[in-house]
Amino acid sequence: MTFADALHGGPDETGAAPHDFSTNGNAVGACPAAVAALRAVDAAHYPDPRYTSLRERLAAFHGVRRERIAIAASASEFIHRISAAVAQGGSRQVWLPAHSYGDYERAAKAWGLEVLRAPEPHDGAVLHWCCEPSSPLGQAQGDLALHARSGSTCVLDMAYEPLRLEGRASLDAAQRNRVWQLWTPNKAMGLTGIRAAYAIAPDDAAAVLLMQRLERLAPSWPLGAHGVALLESWTGDEAQAWLSESLQTLRNWKAQQRALCESLGWHCLPSDANFFCARTDTPYPQRAASLRADGIKLRDCASFGLPGHVRLGVLPPQSQDSLKQAWTRAAACRED
């Protein structure tokens, strides 16, 4: 694959769109506690290369042993690293949901792994990728419990769990203990420009061996001082209280945004997260340039296997109004 194949939402060569619906960060804004922690960072020195204090803090936050915490430069970095680790162990197949984040497949192919995708059976795959709320749909993954007890390496991407606005997680605490949990708090903290993530290994002997392989594959200092500060602040009471309050705001904005999209003649799909997919009345690629000129960017879902759909992160009402005006204006121009 080429760089052009790595499709993401967010800024492009022209910069960030003023009303960027293409990413799923917390649109309420940047968490004040995290911002304060970032401003206080001592960037003149390296972090502790073992991240001892950070691991202990994350372990206490989740109620697990420190040895189960794997520090990662980002979710994408961990996706590539664990794909490499299972390939080194002799694995040859990776299973993916029907619709999923493209880096799962990119990492598998980079290491010569065969990709199986639902509804294909997953019995032969050693590495299973799951995500809940899912991307791009923001829905529950119905077969998640099966993957959790499959005996294979199952990674549950938790990117949107902190931004869950509806529904309940499919796995209980005991079931989560049998999968790798991948956490990326920068989305929930409204600070996606700070790259920092971590994973919690399952509580079993096989995970210990894979953790050792992951540590050997890790670069020195995967996190800089700012990444450390973000993850430390994420575990604090102030940040968690702010996040809880922001979720109610996002729920209200989401209801308004769905109603607006439906008023445009779009068909909105159900979602538990701070984003949703919709089938537009006119294919988005036909209007993308016009919308971008008006400061609007959506996420085309063709690369997710959902042609004719867009994914929209929930944004404030003023951005929603701008979307409605830009879409209506583009429609009028087409008619002329």
Protein backbone atom coordinates (compact mmCIF):
# COMPACT_ATOMS: atom_id res chain seq x y z
CA MET A 1 0.00 0.00 0.00
CA THR A 2 1.04 3.61 -0.53
CA PHE A 3 0.74 6.63 1.73
CA ALA A 4 -2.35 7.66 -0.25
CA ASP A 5 -4.07 4.45 0.84
CA ALA A 6 -3.88 5.51 4.51
CA LEU A 7 -7.20 7.36 4.63
CA HIS A 8 -8.05 9.37 7.73
CA GLY A 9 -10.32 12.19 8.70
CA GLY A 10 -9.01 15.49 10.01
CA PRO A 11 -6.65 18.06 8.49
CA ASP A 12 -5.26 17.58 4.99
CA GLU A 13 -2.81 19.46 2.79
CA THR A 14 -5.02 22.56 3.01
CA GLY A 15 -5.12 22.51 6.82
CA ALA A 16 -7.97 21.93 9.27
CA ALA A 17 -11.55 22.60 8.21
CA PRO A 18 -13.33 25.13 10.45
CA HIS A 19 -16.23 22.68 10.79
CA ASP A 20 -14.55 19.26 10.71
CA PHE A 21 -17.11 16.47 11.04
CA SER A 22 -14.57 13.92 9.75
CA THR A 23 -12.93 13.15 13.11
CA ASN A 24 -14.38 11.87 16.36
CA GLY A 25 -12.63 13.80 19.10
CA ASN A 26 -14.62 15.36 21.93
CA ALA A 27 -16.13 18.46 20.30
CA VAL A 28 -16.88 20.10 23.65
CA GLY A 29 -13.23 21.16 23.60
CA ALA A 30 -9.93 20.37 25.27
CA CYS A 31 -10.12 19.07 28.83
CA PRO A 32 -8.90 21.91 31.11
CA ALA A 33 -7.06 19.54 33.46
CA ALA A 34 -5.18 18.01 30.55
CA VAL A 35 -4.35 21.42 29.09
CA ALA A 36 -2.97 22.55 32.45
CA ALA A 37 -0.85 19.40 32.69
CA LEU A 38 0.53 19.95 29.18
CA ARG A 39 1.46 23.55 29.97
CA ALA A 40 3.38 22.38 33.03
CA VAL A 41 5.43 19.77 31.13
CA ASP A 42 9.19 19.74 31.56
CA ALA A 43 10.16 19.13 27.94
CA ALA A 44 13.87 19.73 28.63
CA HIS A 45 14.36 16.14 29.82
CA TYR A 46 13.57 12.63 28.64
CA PRO A 47 10.74 10.79 30.37
CA ASP A 48 11.59 7.74 32.46
CA PRO A 49 12.31 5.15 29.72
CA ARG A 50 10.40 2.49 31.71
CA TYR A 51 7.47 4.84 32.43
CA THR A 52 7.36 3.42 35.96
CA SER A 53 5.13 6.04 37.56
CA LEU A 54 2.84 6.23 34.52
CA ARG A 55 2.37 2.46 34.43
CA GLU A 56 1.55 2.42 38.13
CA ARG A 57 -0.96 5.23 37.71
CA LEU A 58 -2.69 3.57 34.74
CA ALA A 59 -2.70 0.20 36.51
CA ALA A 60 -4.33 1.72 39.62
CA PHE A 61 -6.90 3.52 37.45
CA HIS A 62 -7.96 0.23 35.86
CA GLY A 63 -7.42 -1.99 38.90
CA VAL A 64 -4.82 -4.24 37.23
CA ARG A 65 -1.19 -5.16 37.84
CA ARG A 66 1.45 -2.76 36.48
CA GLU A 67 3.02 -5.57 34.43
CA ARG A 68 -0.11 -5.72 32.27
CA ILE A 69 0.29 -2.14 30.98
CA ALA A 70 1.92 -1.66 27.56
CA ILE A 71 2.81 1.93 26.65
CA ALA A 72 2.30 2.92 23.00
CA ALA A 73 3.09 5.98 20.91
CA SER A 74 -0.47 5.89 19.54
CA ALA A 75 -3.19 3.36 18.80
CA SER A 76 -1.90 3.04 15.24
CA GLU A 77 1.63 2.39 16.48
CA PHE A 78 0.36 -0.36 18.77
CA ILE A 79 -1.72 -1.86 15.94
CA HIS A 80 1.39 -2.19 13.80
CA ARG A 81 3.56 -3.43 16.68
CA ILE A 82 1.23 -6.18 17.86
CA SER A 83 0.69 -7.25 14.24
CA ALA A 84 4.46 -7.60 13.93
CA ALA A 85 4.61 -9.49 17.22
CA VAL A 86 2.02 -12.11 16.24
CA ALA A 87 3.67 -12.49 12.82
CA GLN A 88 7.00 -13.18 14.52
CA GLY A 89 5.25 -15.86 16.52
CA GLY A 90 4.32 -17.72 13.34
CA SER A 91 0.74 -16.51 12.89
CA ARG A 92 -0.54 -16.23 9.34
CA GLN A 93 -4.12 -14.95 9.57
CA VAL A 94 -5.85 -11.90 11.02
CA TRP A 95 -9.63 -11.49 11.42
CA LEU A 96 -11.38 -8.14 11.05
CA PRO A 97 -14.98 -6.97 11.45
CA ALA A 98 -16.93 -6.28 8.25
CA HIS A 99 -16.32 -2.53 8.69
CA SER A 100 -13.28 -1.35 10.61
CA TYR A 101 -10.39 1.07 10.99
CA GLY A 102 -8.08 0.75 7.99
CA ASP A 103 -4.85 0.43 10.00
CA TYR A 104 -5.83 -3.07 11.14
CA GLU A 105 -5.66 -4.27 7.55
CA ARG A 106 -2.67 -2.11 6.62
CA ALA A 107 -0.62 -3.51 9.51
CA ALA A 108 -1.59 -7.10 8.68
CA LYS A 109 -0.61 -6.75 5.04
CA ALA A 110 2.64 -5.03 5.96
CA TRP A 111 3.61 -8.24 7.78
CA GLY A 112 2.35 -10.61 5.10
CA LEU A 113 -0.66 -11.79 7.09
CA GLU A 114 -3.78 -13.04 5.36
CA VAL A 115 -6.83 -10.92 6.20
CA LEU A 116 -10.14 -12.61 6.97
CA ARG A 117 -13.14 -10.33 7.25
CA ALA A 118 -16.59 -10.96 8.68
CA PRO A 119 -18.77 -12.80 7.84
CA GLU A 120 -15.88 -15.19 7.17
CA PRO A 121 -15.31 -17.56 10.12
CA HIS A 122 -12.53 -16.54 12.49
CA ASP A 123 -11.45 -19.95 13.77
CA GLY A 124 -8.14 -20.01 11.86
CA ALA A 125 -7.03 -16.48 12.78
CA VAL A 126 -4.68 -15.98 15.72
CA LEU A 127 -5.17 -12.20 15.89
CA HIS A 128 -8.74 -10.87 16.12
CA TRP A 129 -9.51 -7.14 15.92
CA CYS A 130 -12.66 -5.89 17.63
CA CYS A 131 -13.91 -2.39 18.41
CA GLU A 132 -16.81 -1.20 20.55
CA PRO A 133 -18.44 1.21 20.02
CA SER A 134 -17.40 0.20 16.53
CA SER A 135 -15.83 2.33 13.85
CA PRO A 136 -17.28 3.68 11.64
CA LEU A 137 -20.79 2.73 12.79
CA GLY A 138 -20.51 3.41 16.53
CA GLN A 139 -22.48 0.27 17.30
CA ALA A 140 -22.13 -2.80 19.51
CA GLN A 141 -20.17 -5.74 18.10
CA GLY A 142 -22.60 -8.60 18.48
CA ASP A 143 -20.08 -11.46 18.44
CA LEU A 144 -17.62 -9.83 20.82
CA ALA A 145 -18.05 -12.42 23.57
CA LEU A 146 -17.14 -15.20 21.11
CA HIS A 147 -13.84 -13.51 20.29
CA ALA A 148 -13.12 -12.93 23.98
CA ARG A 149 -13.21 -16.66 24.66
CA SER A 150 -11.75 -17.87 21.35
CA GLY A 151 -8.30 -18.66 22.77
CA SER A 152 -6.69 -16.38 20.18
CA THR A 153 -5.15 -12.95 20.63
CA CYS A 154 -8.16 -10.63 20.65
CA VAL A 155 -7.56 -6.88 20.73
CA LEU A 156 -10.54 -4.77 21.75
CA ASP A 157 -10.10 -1.20 20.52
CA MET A 158 -11.57 1.01 23.27
CA ALA A 159 -11.07 4.31 21.44
CA TYR A 160 -14.71 5.32 21.74
CA GLU A 161 -15.75 3.69 25.01
CA PRO A 162 -15.04 6.90 26.98
CA LEU A 163 -17.26 8.75 24.48
CA ARG A 164 -20.15 6.29 24.66
CA LEU A 165 -23.40 8.26 24.74
CA GLU A 166 -25.87 5.37 24.65
CA GLY A 167 -26.05 1.61 25.26
CA ARG A 168 -23.83 -0.61 27.37
CA ALA A 169 -20.54 -2.41 26.79
CA SER A 170 -20.94 -6.03 25.65
CA LEU A 171 -18.21 -7.42 27.90
CA ASP A 172 -18.14 -7.43 31.68
CA ALA A 173 -14.92 -7.00 33.68
CA ALA A 174 -14.12 -10.73 33.70
CA GLN A 175 -14.53 -10.98 29.94
CA ARG A 176 -12.36 -7.91 29.38
CA ASN A 177 -9.63 -9.62 31.35
CA ARG A 178 -9.38 -12.16 28.51
CA VAL A 179 -8.69 -9.62 25.75
CA TRP A 180 -6.14 -6.92 25.02
CA GLN A 181 -7.73 -3.52 25.72
CA LEU A 182 -6.38 -0.66 23.60
CA TRP A 183 -7.03 2.80 25.09
CA THR A 184 -6.52 6.18 23.35
CA PRO A 185 -7.73 8.92 25.73
CA ASN A 186 -6.72 11.81 23.45
CA LYS A 187 -10.11 11.60 21.69
CA ALA A 188 -12.07 11.81 24.94
CA MET A 189 -9.84 14.64 26.20
CA GLY A 190 -10.40 16.66 23.02
CA LEU A 191 -6.66 16.62 22.24
CA THR A 192 -6.16 14.32 19.26
CA GLY A 193 -2.97 16.16 18.32
CA ILE A 194 -1.23 14.63 21.35
CA ARG A 195 -0.29 11.09 20.36
CA ALA A 196 -0.39 8.72 23.33
CA ALA A 197 -1.98 5.35 24.03
CA TYR A 198 -1.67 2.23 26.13
CA ALA A 199 -2.92 -1.34 26.17
CA ILE A 200 -3.92 -3.66 29.01
CA ALA A 201 -2.82 -7.24 28.45
CA PRO A 202 -5.07 -10.19 29.32
CA ASP A 203 -4.41 -11.86 32.63
CA ASP A 204 -2.93 -15.12 31.29
CA ALA A 205 0.41 -16.79 30.53
CA ALA A 206 0.16 -16.40 26.74
CA ALA A 207 -0.16 -12.64 27.13
CA VAL A 208 3.06 -12.54 29.17
CA LEU A 209 5.01 -14.00 26.25
CA LEU A 210 3.40 -11.64 23.75
CA MET A 211 4.08 -8.69 26.07
CA GLN A 212 7.77 -9.60 26.09
CA ARG A 213 7.80 -9.62 22.29
CA LEU A 214 5.99 -6.26 22.22
CA GLU A 215 8.56 -4.74 24.57
CA ARG A 216 11.42 -5.95 22.35
CA LEU A 217 9.75 -4.36 19.32
CA ALA A 218 9.08 -1.03 21.04
CA PRO A 219 11.20 2.02 20.24
CA SER A 220 13.00 3.82 23.03
CA TRP A 221 10.73 6.41 24.62
CA PRO A 222 7.56 5.75 22.58
CA LEU A 223 5.99 8.62 24.53
CA GLY A 224 7.43 12.07 24.92
CA ALA A 225 6.80 14.21 27.98
CA HIS A 226 3.55 15.61 26.57
CA GLY A 227 2.13 12.16 25.94
CA VAL A 228 2.97 11.17 29.50
CA ALA A 229 1.24 14.28 30.83
CA LEU A 230 -1.90 13.55 28.83
CA LEU A 231 -2.18 9.97 30.10
CA GLU A 232 -1.47 10.99 33.68
CA SER A 233 -4.11 13.72 33.61
CA TRP A 234 -6.64 11.31 32.05
CA THR A 235 -6.59 9.20 35.21
CA GLY A 236 -7.34 12.16 37.50
CA ASP A 237 -10.67 12.95 39.15
CA GLU A 238 -10.84 16.42 37.57
CA ALA A 239 -10.50 15.09 34.02
CA GLN A 240 -13.01 12.28 34.60
CA ALA A 241 -15.56 14.70 36.08
CA TRP A 242 -15.13 17.03 33.10
CA LEU A 243 -15.56 14.09 30.70
CA SER A 244 -18.75 12.98 32.42
CA GLU A 245 -20.23 16.47 32.11
CA SER A 246 -19.20 16.76 28.47
CA LEU A 247 -21.06 13.57 27.56
CA GLN A 248 -24.43 15.16 28.38
CA THR A 249 -23.61 18.10 26.15
CA LEU A 250 -22.66 15.70 23.35
CA ARG A 251 -25.93 13.79 23.79
CA ASN A 252 -27.91 16.98 23.25
CA TRP A 253 -25.82 17.99 20.24
CA LYS A 254 -26.12 14.51 18.75
CA ALA A 255 -29.92 14.57 18.89
CA GLN A 256 -29.93 17.97 17.17
CA GLN A 257 -27.43 16.83 14.53
CA ARG A 258 -29.37 13.68 13.66
CA ALA A 259 -32.55 15.74 13.28
CA LEU A 260 -30.75 18.19 11.01
CA CYS A 261 -29.36 15.40 8.81
CA GLU A 262 -32.80 13.81 8.53
CA SER A 263 -34.23 17.18 7.52
CA LEU A 264 -31.80 17.12 4.59
CA GLY A 265 -33.23 13.78 3.47
CA TRP A 266 -30.37 11.70 4.85
CA HIS A 267 -30.90 8.27 6.40
CA CYS A 268 -29.04 8.13 9.74
CA LEU A 269 -27.82 4.80 11.09
CA PRO A 270 -28.01 3.96 14.82
CA SER A 271 -24.92 4.68 16.92
CA ASP A 272 -23.98 4.56 20.62
CA ALA A 273 -21.03 6.92 20.25
CA ASN A 274 -20.28 10.59 19.61
CA PHE A 275 -20.55 10.04 15.85
CA PHE A 276 -22.86 8.30 13.41
CA CYS A 277 -23.07 7.31 9.76
CA ALA A 278 -25.67 8.52 7.31
CA ARG A 279 -26.62 7.80 3.72
CA THR A 280 -26.75 11.17 2.02
CA ASP A 281 -29.35 12.12 -0.57
CA THR A 282 -26.51 12.94 -3.00
CA PRO A 283 -23.12 11.17 -2.97
CA TYR A 284 -20.71 13.15 -0.81
CA PRO A 285 -17.79 13.02 -3.31
CA GLN A 286 -19.88 15.08 -5.72
CA ARG A 287 -20.11 17.89 -3.17
CA ALA A 288 -16.90 17.47 -1.19
CA ALA A 289 -14.98 20.26 -2.94
CA SER A 290 -17.85 22.74 -2.62
CA LEU A 291 -18.33 21.89 1.05
CA ARG A 292 -14.60 22.17 1.75
CA ALA A 293 -14.62 25.64 0.25
CA ASP A 294 -17.32 26.49 2.79
CA GLY A 295 -15.21 25.12 5.66
CA ILE A 296 -17.03 21.77 5.93
CA LYS A 297 -15.43 18.32 5.89
CA LEU A 298 -17.17 14.95 6.29
CA ARG A 299 -15.68 11.43 6.29
CA ASP A 300 -16.56 9.47 3.18
CA CYS A 301 -17.25 5.85 4.21
CA ALA A 302 -16.39 4.14 0.92
CA SER A 303 -13.03 3.03 2.37
CA PHE A 304 -14.95 1.41 5.24
CA GLY A 305 -17.00 -0.63 2.78
CA LEU A 306 -20.02 1.70 3.07
CA PRO A 307 -20.26 3.56 -0.24
CA GLY A 308 -22.88 6.29 -0.34
CA HIS A 309 -22.48 6.97 3.38
CA VAL A 310 -20.62 9.57 5.41
CA ARG A 311 -19.49 9.46 9.03
CA LEU A 312 -20.11 12.58 11.07
CA GLY A 313 -18.56 13.39 14.41
CA VAL A 314 -20.97 15.32 16.63
CA LEU A 315 -20.17 19.04 16.53
CA PRO A 316 -21.71 22.13 18.20
CA PRO A 317 -24.96 23.64 16.85
CA GLN A 318 -23.17 26.47 15.01
CA SER A 319 -21.18 23.92 13.00
CA GLN A 320 -24.36 21.98 12.32
CA ASP A 321 -25.98 25.15 10.97
CA SER A 322 -22.97 25.71 8.70
CA LEU A 323 -23.32 22.16 7.38
CA LYS A 324 -27.00 22.66 6.58
CA GLN A 325 -26.36 25.96 4.80
CA ALA A 326 -23.39 24.59 2.82
CA TRP A 327 -25.24 21.41 1.76
CA THR A 328 -28.34 23.37 0.76
CA ARG A 329 -26.24 25.88 -1.17
CA ALA A 330 -24.37 23.09 -2.98
CA ALA A 331 -27.69 21.47 -3.92
CA ALA A 332 -28.99 24.75 -5.32
CA CYS A 333 -25.85 25.19 -7.40
CA ARG A 334 -26.26 21.71 -8.90
CA GLU A 335 -29.85 22.47 -9.82
CA ASP A 336 -28.80 25.72 -11.55
